[in-house]
Amino acid sequence: MWRLIGLQVLATVLVGALAWPWAGVAGGVSALLGGAACVLPNAWFAWRLALTRAGEAASFFVGELIKVLLTVALLALIVWGYEQLVWPAMIAAIIAVLKSYLIVLIWR
């Protein structure tokens, strides 16, 4: 689980590093913010799962709901608060973070 979070952080940094020369500092920051908006709720959810006992389905679903709400709230804050947002860079980082699940499944 924590390996996946690490891979998501790596994907975020990679997209940010690629977006920087392509779209300037604003593009790099947009990618980092977009990736962080997905990674932070995922890390919170992983931490929550590590603390709960196995077989608690209700806890899993409540945690998943909170994770999704946190992600949407963070993305809304970014869109509302960062005036120099570069949408393609942010969306690329979000896609890279979400597709990192596939890489973990392939490694297994």
Protein backbone atom coordinates (compact mmCIF):
# COMPACT_ATOMS: atom_id res chain seq x y z
CA MET A 1 0.00 0.00 0.00
CA TRP A 2 2.75 2.46 0.93
CA ARG A 3 4.68 1.43 -2.18
CA LEU A 4 1.75 2.68 -4.23
CA ILE A 5 1.78 6.02 -2.41
CA GLY A 6 5.50 6.33 -3.11
CA LEU A 7 4.91 5.56 -6.77
CA GLN A 8 2.18 8.20 -6.89
CA VAL A 9 4.55 10.77 -5.40
CA LEU A 10 7.18 9.78 -7.97
CA ALA A 11 4.63 10.12 -10.80
CA THR A 12 3.64 13.56 -9.51
CA VAL A 13 7.24 14.76 -9.36
CA LEU A 14 7.99 13.32 -12.80
CA VAL A 15 5.03 15.06 -14.44
CA GLY A 16 5.91 18.26 -12.60
CA ALA A 17 9.48 18.05 -13.87
CA LEU A 18 8.25 17.48 -17.43
CA ALA A 19 5.66 20.25 -17.24
CA TRP A 20 8.13 22.84 -15.98
CA PRO A 21 10.11 23.25 -19.25
CA TRP A 22 6.95 22.79 -21.32
CA ALA A 23 4.70 25.31 -19.53
CA GLY A 24 7.04 27.20 -17.22
CA VAL A 25 6.96 27.42 -13.46
CA ALA A 26 3.16 27.70 -13.45
CA GLY A 27 2.92 24.40 -15.35
CA GLY A 28 5.24 22.65 -12.93
CA VAL A 29 3.39 23.98 -9.91
CA SER A 30 0.04 23.06 -11.49
CA ALA A 31 1.22 19.49 -12.01
CA LEU A 32 2.55 19.22 -8.48
CA LEU A 33 -0.66 20.61 -7.02
CA GLY A 34 -2.85 18.32 -9.13
CA GLY A 35 -0.83 15.28 -8.16
CA ALA A 36 -0.80 16.26 -4.50
CA ALA A 37 -4.59 16.66 -4.57
CA CYS A 38 -4.79 12.95 -5.38
CA VAL A 39 -1.82 11.63 -3.39
CA LEU A 40 -2.65 13.25 -0.05
CA PRO A 41 -6.16 11.77 0.24
CA ASN A 42 -4.79 8.39 -0.91
CA ALA A 43 -2.10 8.53 1.77
CA TRP A 44 -4.72 9.42 4.38
CA PHE A 45 -6.86 6.49 3.25
CA ALA A 46 -3.89 4.09 3.39
CA TRP A 47 -3.09 5.29 6.90
CA ARG A 48 -6.74 4.83 7.90
CA LEU A 49 -6.80 1.29 6.48
CA ALA A 50 -3.61 0.44 8.35
CA LEU A 51 -5.28 1.44 11.62
CA THR A 52 -8.55 -0.45 11.13
CA ARG A 53 -9.14 -4.12 11.77
CA ALA A 54 -9.64 -6.47 8.83
CA GLY A 55 -13.22 -7.12 7.85
CA GLU A 56 -14.65 -3.73 8.72
CA ALA A 57 -16.43 -3.06 5.44
CA ALA A 58 -18.29 -0.01 6.71
CA SER A 59 -15.03 1.62 7.74
CA PHE A 60 -13.59 0.94 4.29
CA PHE A 61 -16.53 2.53 2.47
CA VAL A 62 -16.68 5.54 4.78
CA GLY A 63 -12.93 6.03 4.30
CA GLU A 64 -13.29 5.77 0.53
CA LEU A 65 -16.09 8.35 0.58
CA ILE A 66 -13.99 10.73 2.65
CA LYS A 67 -11.03 10.18 0.31
CA VAL A 68 -13.11 11.11 -2.74
CA LEU A 69 -14.58 14.17 -1.00
CA LEU A 70 -11.10 15.31 0.07
CA THR A 71 -9.81 14.91 -3.49
CA VAL A 72 -12.69 16.94 -4.94
CA ALA A 73 -12.28 19.62 -2.25
CA LEU A 74 -8.52 19.91 -2.84
CA LEU A 75 -9.00 20.15 -6.61
CA ALA A 76 -11.67 22.83 -6.11
CA LEU A 77 -9.29 24.77 -3.85
CA ILE A 78 -6.56 24.57 -6.46
CA VAL A 79 -8.84 25.75 -9.26
CA TRP A 80 -10.23 28.54 -7.10
CA GLY A 81 -7.00 29.60 -5.43
CA TYR A 82 -4.22 29.23 -8.00
CA GLU A 83 -4.70 31.90 -10.65
CA GLN A 84 -1.88 30.73 -12.94
CA LEU A 85 -3.26 27.20 -13.22
CA VAL A 86 -2.18 25.29 -16.32
CA TRP A 87 -4.99 22.81 -16.85
CA PRO A 88 -3.17 20.32 -19.13
CA ALA A 89 -0.31 19.99 -16.62
CA MET A 90 -2.67 19.47 -13.69
CA ILE A 91 -4.77 16.93 -15.58
CA ALA A 92 -1.66 15.07 -16.77
CA ALA A 93 -0.48 14.72 -13.18
CA ILE A 94 -3.88 13.49 -12.03
CA ILE A 95 -3.94 10.89 -14.81
CA ALA A 96 -0.39 9.77 -13.98
CA VAL A 97 -1.26 9.36 -10.30
CA LEU A 98 -4.45 7.44 -11.05
CA LYS A 99 -2.74 5.18 -13.61
CA SER A 100 -0.02 4.25 -11.14
CA TYR A 101 -2.46 1.67 -9.78
CA LEU A 102 -2.00 -0.24 -13.04
CA ILE A 103 1.78 -0.25 -12.65
CA VAL A 104 1.46 -1.73 -9.17
CA LEU A 105 -0.90 -4.42 -10.48
CA ILE A 106 1.54 -5.29 -13.29
CA TRP A 107 4.44 -5.54 -10.79
CA ARG A 108 2.49 -8.03 -8.70
